[in-house]
Amino acid sequence: MKNLKNKLLLKGLLYDGIGMLSSAIPVVGPFLDLAWAPYAAKKMQEMYPSKKGKIASVLVFIEEILPFTDIIPTFTLMWIYNFVWKKNQVEDIQYTEVIS
C-alpha cells in the first residue's frame, strides 16, 4: 500500500511539472493550458475518486485555465492534504485502478 502512496506522489509531481512547462513557452503556452486543464482535472478525479477528489479536480481545472497560476502544484498539494495533513491510510481511500 505504501507503494501506491509513492506512485500517487510521483504521478502528481509529473502532472504538476507538465502543467508548469506550459508557462515556459511564451506564445503557445496559454493555448496549451486550454487542452491541459480538462485532462488534468480528469486525472485528478481518477487519482482521488472521492468527494475531495471532485473538488480538487475543479480546482486544478481553474488553476490551469487561469493565467499565471501554473506555478501552483495542485496535485502535490492534494497528496500532502491526503497523506500528510489528514494522515489518511491508502486503505481508507477507495482507489479503483489509479496507477496504470
Protein backbone atom coordinates (compact mmCIF):
# COMPACT_ATOMS: atom_id res chain seq x y z
CA MET A 1 0.00 0.00 0.00
CA LYS A 2 2.90 2.35 0.66
CA ASN A 3 3.95 1.70 -2.93
CA LEU A 4 0.60 3.11 -4.16
CA LYS A 5 1.10 6.16 -1.98
CA ASN A 6 4.53 6.76 -3.52
CA LYS A 7 3.17 6.22 -7.04
CA LEU A 8 0.47 8.81 -6.41
CA LEU A 9 3.14 11.28 -5.30
CA LEU A 10 5.35 10.63 -8.33
CA LYS A 11 2.42 10.83 -10.71
CA GLY A 12 1.30 14.09 -9.08
CA LEU A 13 4.79 15.57 -9.37
CA LEU A 14 4.87 14.61 -13.05
CA TYR A 15 1.48 16.23 -13.74
CA ASP A 16 2.48 19.36 -11.83
CA GLY A 17 5.67 19.54 -13.87
CA ILE A 18 3.81 19.19 -17.14
CA GLY A 19 1.37 21.89 -16.07
CA MET A 20 4.23 24.24 -15.22
CA LEU A 21 6.03 23.62 -18.51
CA SER A 22 3.36 25.44 -20.48
CA SER A 23 4.25 28.70 -18.75
CA ALA A 24 7.79 28.38 -20.13
CA ILE A 25 6.58 28.58 -23.74
CA PRO A 26 5.99 32.28 -24.47
CA VAL A 27 3.21 32.49 -27.07
CA VAL A 28 1.84 28.95 -27.32
CA GLY A 29 1.81 28.18 -23.58
CA PRO A 30 -1.55 29.74 -22.69
CA PHE A 31 -3.21 27.86 -25.55
CA LEU A 32 -1.70 24.59 -24.35
CA ASP A 33 -3.39 25.22 -21.00
CA LEU A 34 -6.77 25.08 -22.74
CA ALA A 35 -6.07 21.46 -23.64
CA TRP A 36 -4.22 20.57 -20.44
CA ALA A 37 -6.84 21.86 -17.97
CA PRO A 38 -9.60 19.29 -18.73
CA TYR A 39 -7.04 16.47 -18.92
CA ALA A 40 -5.52 17.45 -15.57
CA ALA A 41 -8.96 17.65 -13.98
CA LYS A 42 -9.80 14.16 -15.27
CA LYS A 43 -6.54 12.75 -13.93
CA MET A 44 -7.09 14.36 -10.52
CA GLN A 45 -10.53 12.72 -10.31
CA GLU A 46 -9.04 9.35 -11.28
CA MET A 47 -6.24 9.61 -8.73
CA TYR A 48 -8.52 10.67 -5.86
CA PRO A 49 -12.01 9.21 -6.53
CA SER A 50 -13.81 10.79 -3.60
CA LYS A 51 -15.76 13.95 -2.94
CA LYS A 52 -12.48 15.69 -2.12
CA GLY A 53 -11.11 14.47 -5.45
CA LYS A 54 -14.04 16.04 -7.28
CA ILE A 55 -13.41 19.34 -5.53
CA ALA A 56 -9.69 19.10 -6.31
CA SER A 57 -10.43 18.36 -9.97
CA VAL A 58 -12.46 21.57 -10.22
CA LEU A 59 -9.66 23.49 -8.50
CA VAL A 60 -6.99 22.06 -10.81
CA PHE A 61 -9.12 22.93 -13.83
CA ILE A 62 -9.49 26.54 -12.67
CA GLU A 63 -5.81 26.74 -11.76
CA GLU A 64 -4.72 25.53 -15.19
CA ILE A 65 -7.14 27.77 -17.11
CA LEU A 66 -6.24 30.99 -15.28
CA PRO A 67 -3.11 32.76 -16.47
CA PHE A 68 -0.05 32.98 -14.20
CA THR A 69 -1.29 30.29 -11.81
CA ASP A 70 0.65 27.40 -13.35
CA ILE A 71 3.25 27.55 -10.59
CA ILE A 72 0.77 26.18 -8.02
CA PRO A 73 1.50 22.43 -7.56
CA THR A 74 -2.12 21.33 -7.17
CA PHE A 75 -1.51 17.58 -7.49
CA THR A 76 1.28 17.69 -4.90
CA LEU A 77 -0.84 19.79 -2.55
CA MET A 78 -3.68 17.25 -2.83
CA TRP A 79 -1.25 14.43 -1.98
CA ILE A 80 0.04 16.40 1.03
CA TYR A 81 -3.54 17.06 2.12
CA ASN A 82 -4.43 13.37 1.92
CA PHE A 83 -1.33 11.69 3.31
CA VAL A 84 0.45 14.25 5.49
CA TRP A 85 -2.10 16.68 6.84
CA LYS A 86 -5.08 14.29 7.14
CA LYS A 87 -2.80 11.24 7.51
CA ASN A 88 -5.16 9.05 5.51
CA GLN A 89 -4.13 5.50 5.01
CA VAL A 90 -4.25 4.18 1.47
CA GLU A 91 -6.80 1.61 2.63
CA ASP A 92 -9.16 4.43 3.73
CA ILE A 93 -9.44 5.78 0.21
CA GLN A 94 -11.17 3.61 -2.33
CA TYR A 95 -8.91 3.55 -5.34
CA THR A 96 -10.02 1.78 -8.45
CA GLU A 97 -7.22 1.44 -10.97
CA VAL A 98 -5.33 4.61 -10.06
CA ILE A 99 -1.90 3.73 -11.35
CA SER A 100 -1.70 2.25 -14.81
